[in-house]
């Protein structure tokens, strides 16, 4: 049973390193205070910090922002684009 705790710790360490590497790679898209806060959260609260950072990053992904901007630019009077059923 002790090997299970060791494997879990190793997995957690790998996830923390992956999260910090990803944060480092995308630091030019995030303001400096946010990078510092996310690094602290990922290190101090690894599981919750890593999951919340990854969900936050997915929500702010460039593709999602671009598609939302496209829809805002091409929609008329709050209707969704493309017009369905017309």
N, C-alpha and C. Protein backbone atom coordinates (compact mmCIF):
# COMPACT_ATOMS: atom_id res chain seq x y z
N UNK A 1 0.81 -1.20 0.00
CA UNK A 1 0.00 0.00 0.00
C UNK A 1 0.85 1.26 0.00
N UNK A 2 2.05 1.20 0.54
CA UNK A 2 2.88 2.39 0.60
C UNK A 2 3.31 2.83 -0.78
N UNK A 3 3.41 1.90 -1.73
CA UNK A 3 3.80 2.26 -3.09
C UNK A 3 2.72 3.11 -3.75
N UNK A 4 1.45 2.92 -3.33
CA UNK A 4 0.36 3.71 -3.88
C UNK A 4 0.51 5.18 -3.48
N UNK A 5 0.90 5.44 -2.25
CA UNK A 5 1.13 6.82 -1.81
C UNK A 5 2.31 7.42 -2.56
N UNK A 6 3.35 6.63 -2.79
CA UNK A 6 4.50 7.13 -3.55
C UNK A 6 4.14 7.43 -4.99
N UNK A 7 3.34 6.58 -5.60
CA UNK A 7 2.90 6.81 -6.98
C UNK A 7 2.02 8.05 -7.06
N UNK A 8 1.16 8.24 -6.08
CA UNK A 8 0.31 9.44 -6.06
C UNK A 8 1.14 10.70 -5.89
N UNK A 9 2.15 10.64 -5.05
CA UNK A 9 3.03 11.80 -4.86
C UNK A 9 3.81 12.10 -6.12
N UNK A 10 4.28 11.07 -6.79
CA UNK A 10 5.01 11.27 -8.04
C UNK A 10 4.10 11.87 -9.11
N UNK A 11 2.87 11.37 -9.20
CA UNK A 11 1.91 11.91 -10.16
C UNK A 11 1.61 13.38 -9.85
N UNK A 12 1.43 13.70 -8.60
CA UNK A 12 1.18 15.08 -8.20
C UNK A 12 2.37 15.97 -8.54
N UNK A 13 3.57 15.50 -8.31
CA UNK A 13 4.77 16.26 -8.65
C UNK A 13 4.85 16.50 -10.15
N UNK A 14 4.56 15.49 -10.94
CA UNK A 14 4.58 15.64 -12.40
C UNK A 14 3.54 16.66 -12.84
N UNK A 15 2.34 16.61 -12.27
CA UNK A 15 1.30 17.57 -12.63
C UNK A 15 1.68 19.00 -12.25
N UNK A 16 2.32 19.18 -11.10
CA UNK A 16 2.77 20.51 -10.69
C UNK A 16 3.82 21.02 -11.66
N UNK A 17 4.76 20.18 -12.03
CA UNK A 17 5.80 20.60 -12.98
C UNK A 17 5.18 20.94 -14.32
N UNK A 18 4.25 20.14 -14.80
CA UNK A 18 3.58 20.43 -16.07
C UNK A 18 2.83 21.76 -15.99
N UNK A 19 2.15 21.99 -14.90
CA UNK A 19 1.44 23.26 -14.72
C UNK A 19 2.38 24.46 -14.71
N UNK A 20 3.50 24.34 -14.01
CA UNK A 20 4.46 25.45 -13.96
C UNK A 20 5.14 25.68 -15.31
N UNK A 21 5.44 24.60 -16.03
CA UNK A 21 6.03 24.75 -17.36
C UNK A 21 5.04 25.43 -18.30
N UNK A 22 3.79 25.01 -18.26
CA UNK A 22 2.77 25.64 -19.10
C UNK A 22 2.59 27.11 -18.73
N UNK A 23 2.60 27.41 -17.45
CA UNK A 23 2.50 28.79 -17.00
C UNK A 23 3.69 29.60 -17.50
N UNK A 24 4.87 29.03 -17.46
CA UNK A 24 6.06 29.72 -17.96
C UNK A 24 6.01 29.96 -19.46
N UNK A 25 5.49 29.00 -20.19
CA UNK A 25 5.40 29.17 -21.65
C UNK A 25 4.40 30.23 -22.05
N UNK A 26 3.37 30.44 -21.26
CA UNK A 26 2.31 31.38 -21.61
C UNK A 26 2.37 32.66 -20.79
N UNK A 27 3.51 32.95 -20.18
CA UNK A 27 3.60 34.13 -19.33
C UNK A 27 3.51 35.43 -20.11
N UNK A 28 3.78 35.40 -21.42
CA UNK A 28 3.67 36.63 -22.21
C UNK A 28 2.23 37.00 -22.51
N UNK A 29 1.29 36.07 -22.33
CA UNK A 29 -0.13 36.33 -22.56
C UNK A 29 -0.87 36.71 -21.29
N UNK A 30 -0.17 36.61 -20.15
CA UNK A 30 -0.78 36.86 -18.85
C UNK A 30 0.00 37.98 -18.17
N UNK A 31 -0.70 38.81 -17.43
CA UNK A 31 -0.03 39.89 -16.70
C UNK A 31 0.85 39.30 -15.60
N UNK A 32 1.94 40.02 -15.30
CA UNK A 32 2.92 39.53 -14.33
C UNK A 32 2.33 39.20 -12.96
N UNK A 33 1.46 40.05 -12.39
CA UNK A 33 0.88 39.68 -11.09
C UNK A 33 0.08 38.37 -11.15
N UNK A 34 -0.59 38.14 -12.28
CA UNK A 34 -1.36 36.90 -12.42
C UNK A 34 -0.43 35.69 -12.49
N UNK A 35 0.71 35.83 -13.17
CA UNK A 35 1.67 34.73 -13.24
C UNK A 35 2.17 34.39 -11.85
N UNK A 36 2.51 35.41 -11.07
CA UNK A 36 3.01 35.18 -9.72
C UNK A 36 1.94 34.51 -8.85
N UNK A 37 0.73 34.99 -8.93
CA UNK A 37 -0.36 34.42 -8.13
C UNK A 37 -0.60 32.97 -8.52
N UNK A 38 -0.65 32.69 -9.85
CA UNK A 38 -0.88 31.32 -10.29
C UNK A 38 0.26 30.40 -9.88
N UNK A 39 1.49 30.86 -9.96
CA UNK A 39 2.62 30.04 -9.54
C UNK A 39 2.53 29.69 -8.06
N UNK A 40 2.17 30.67 -7.24
CA UNK A 40 2.03 30.43 -5.80
C UNK A 40 0.90 29.45 -5.54
N UNK A 41 -0.23 29.64 -6.22
CA UNK A 41 -1.38 28.75 -6.02
C UNK A 41 -1.05 27.33 -6.45
N UNK A 42 -0.37 27.18 -7.61
CA UNK A 42 -0.03 25.84 -8.09
C UNK A 42 0.92 25.14 -7.13
N UNK A 43 1.85 25.87 -6.56
CA UNK A 43 2.82 25.26 -5.65
C UNK A 43 2.20 24.98 -4.29
N UNK A 44 1.44 25.93 -3.75
CA UNK A 44 0.89 25.76 -2.40
C UNK A 44 -0.34 24.86 -2.35
N UNK A 45 -1.16 24.95 -3.35
CA UNK A 45 -2.39 24.15 -3.38
C UNK A 45 -2.39 23.39 -4.71
N UNK A 46 -1.58 22.36 -4.83
CA UNK A 46 -1.32 21.76 -6.14
C UNK A 46 -2.54 21.24 -6.88
N UNK A 47 -3.35 20.47 -6.26
CA UNK A 47 -4.46 19.87 -6.99
C UNK A 47 -5.49 20.91 -7.37
N UNK A 48 -5.99 21.66 -6.41
CA UNK A 48 -6.99 22.68 -6.67
C UNK A 48 -6.41 23.79 -7.54
N UNK A 49 -5.18 24.20 -7.24
CA UNK A 49 -4.54 25.26 -8.01
C UNK A 49 -4.33 24.87 -9.45
N UNK A 50 -3.86 23.67 -9.70
CA UNK A 50 -3.59 23.22 -11.05
C UNK A 50 -4.88 23.08 -11.86
N UNK A 51 -5.88 22.46 -11.28
CA UNK A 51 -7.14 22.28 -11.99
C UNK A 51 -7.79 23.63 -12.29
N UNK A 52 -7.81 24.53 -11.31
CA UNK A 52 -8.43 25.84 -11.55
C UNK A 52 -7.65 26.64 -12.58
N UNK A 53 -6.31 26.56 -12.55
CA UNK A 53 -5.51 27.26 -13.56
C UNK A 53 -5.80 26.72 -14.96
N UNK A 54 -5.83 25.39 -15.10
CA UNK A 54 -6.07 24.82 -16.42
C UNK A 54 -7.47 25.15 -16.93
N UNK A 55 -8.47 25.13 -16.06
CA UNK A 55 -9.82 25.52 -16.47
C UNK A 55 -9.88 26.99 -16.84
N UNK A 56 -9.20 27.84 -16.08
CA UNK A 56 -9.15 29.27 -16.37
C UNK A 56 -8.47 29.51 -17.71
N UNK A 57 -7.40 28.77 -17.97
CA UNK A 57 -6.67 28.94 -19.22
C UNK A 57 -7.50 28.49 -20.41
N UNK A 58 -8.23 27.40 -20.27
CA UNK A 58 -9.10 26.93 -21.34
C UNK A 58 -10.17 27.97 -21.64
N UNK A 59 -10.72 28.57 -20.59
CA UNK A 59 -11.76 29.58 -20.78
C UNK A 59 -11.23 30.81 -21.49
N UNK A 60 -9.95 31.09 -21.34
CA UNK A 60 -9.38 32.28 -21.96
C UNK A 60 -8.57 31.96 -23.21
N UNK A 61 -8.72 30.78 -23.77
CA UNK A 61 -7.92 30.39 -24.92
C UNK A 61 -8.19 31.32 -26.10
N UNK A 62 -7.20 31.49 -26.93
CA UNK A 62 -7.29 32.40 -28.06
C UNK A 62 -8.41 32.01 -29.02
N UNK A 63 -8.59 30.72 -29.24
CA UNK A 63 -9.62 30.27 -30.16
C UNK A 63 -11.00 30.65 -29.65
N UNK A 64 -11.22 30.49 -28.34
CA UNK A 64 -12.52 30.84 -27.80
C UNK A 64 -12.77 32.33 -27.87
N UNK A 65 -11.76 33.12 -27.57
CA UNK A 65 -11.90 34.57 -27.62
C UNK A 65 -12.17 35.03 -29.05
N UNK A 66 -11.45 34.45 -30.00
CA UNK A 66 -11.64 34.83 -31.40
C UNK A 66 -13.03 34.46 -31.88
N UNK A 67 -13.52 33.28 -31.52
CA UNK A 67 -14.85 32.88 -31.96
C UNK A 67 -15.93 33.73 -31.32
N UNK A 68 -15.73 34.14 -30.07
CA UNK A 68 -16.71 35.02 -29.44
C UNK A 68 -16.69 36.39 -30.09
N UNK A 69 -15.51 36.89 -30.44
CA UNK A 69 -15.42 38.17 -31.13
C UNK A 69 -16.07 38.09 -32.50
N UNK A 70 -15.86 37.00 -33.21
CA UNK A 70 -16.46 36.81 -34.53
C UNK A 70 -17.97 36.83 -34.43
N UNK A 71 -18.50 36.13 -33.44
CA UNK A 71 -19.96 36.08 -33.27
C UNK A 71 -20.50 37.47 -32.93
N UNK A 72 -19.80 38.21 -32.07
CA UNK A 72 -20.25 39.55 -31.72
C UNK A 72 -20.24 40.48 -32.92
N UNK A 73 -19.23 40.35 -33.79
CA UNK A 73 -19.12 41.22 -34.95
C UNK A 73 -20.19 40.91 -36.00
N UNK A 74 -20.58 39.66 -36.14
CA UNK A 74 -21.47 39.26 -37.22
C UNK A 74 -22.90 38.98 -36.79
N UNK A 75 -23.21 39.15 -35.55
CA UNK A 75 -24.59 38.95 -35.12
C UNK A 75 -25.33 40.27 -35.18
N UNK A 76 -26.62 40.17 -35.42
CA UNK A 76 -27.43 41.38 -35.49
C UNK A 76 -28.52 41.31 -34.42
N UNK A 77 -28.58 42.33 -33.61
CA UNK A 77 -29.60 42.45 -32.56
C UNK A 77 -29.63 41.25 -31.62
N UNK A 78 -28.45 40.78 -31.24
CA UNK A 78 -28.36 39.72 -30.25
C UNK A 78 -28.70 38.34 -30.73
N UNK A 79 -28.92 38.16 -32.05
CA UNK A 79 -29.24 36.84 -32.56
C UNK A 79 -27.95 36.06 -32.78
N UNK A 80 -28.05 34.76 -32.66
CA UNK A 80 -26.86 33.93 -32.82
C UNK A 80 -26.48 33.82 -34.29
N UNK A 81 -25.20 33.61 -34.55
CA UNK A 81 -24.69 33.48 -35.90
C UNK A 81 -24.19 32.07 -36.08
N UNK A 82 -24.42 31.39 -37.13
CA UNK A 82 -25.23 31.76 -38.30
C UNK A 82 -26.70 31.62 -37.97
N UNK A 83 -27.53 32.39 -38.68
CA UNK A 83 -28.97 32.30 -38.42
C UNK A 83 -29.49 30.91 -38.78
N UNK A 84 -30.08 30.24 -37.84
CA UNK A 84 -30.55 28.88 -38.04
C UNK A 84 -32.03 28.92 -38.37
N UNK A 85 -32.42 28.19 -39.42
CA UNK A 85 -33.82 28.10 -39.79
C UNK A 85 -34.34 29.26 -40.59
N UNK A 86 -33.46 30.04 -41.19
CA UNK A 86 -33.92 31.17 -42.02
C UNK A 86 -33.67 30.89 -43.47
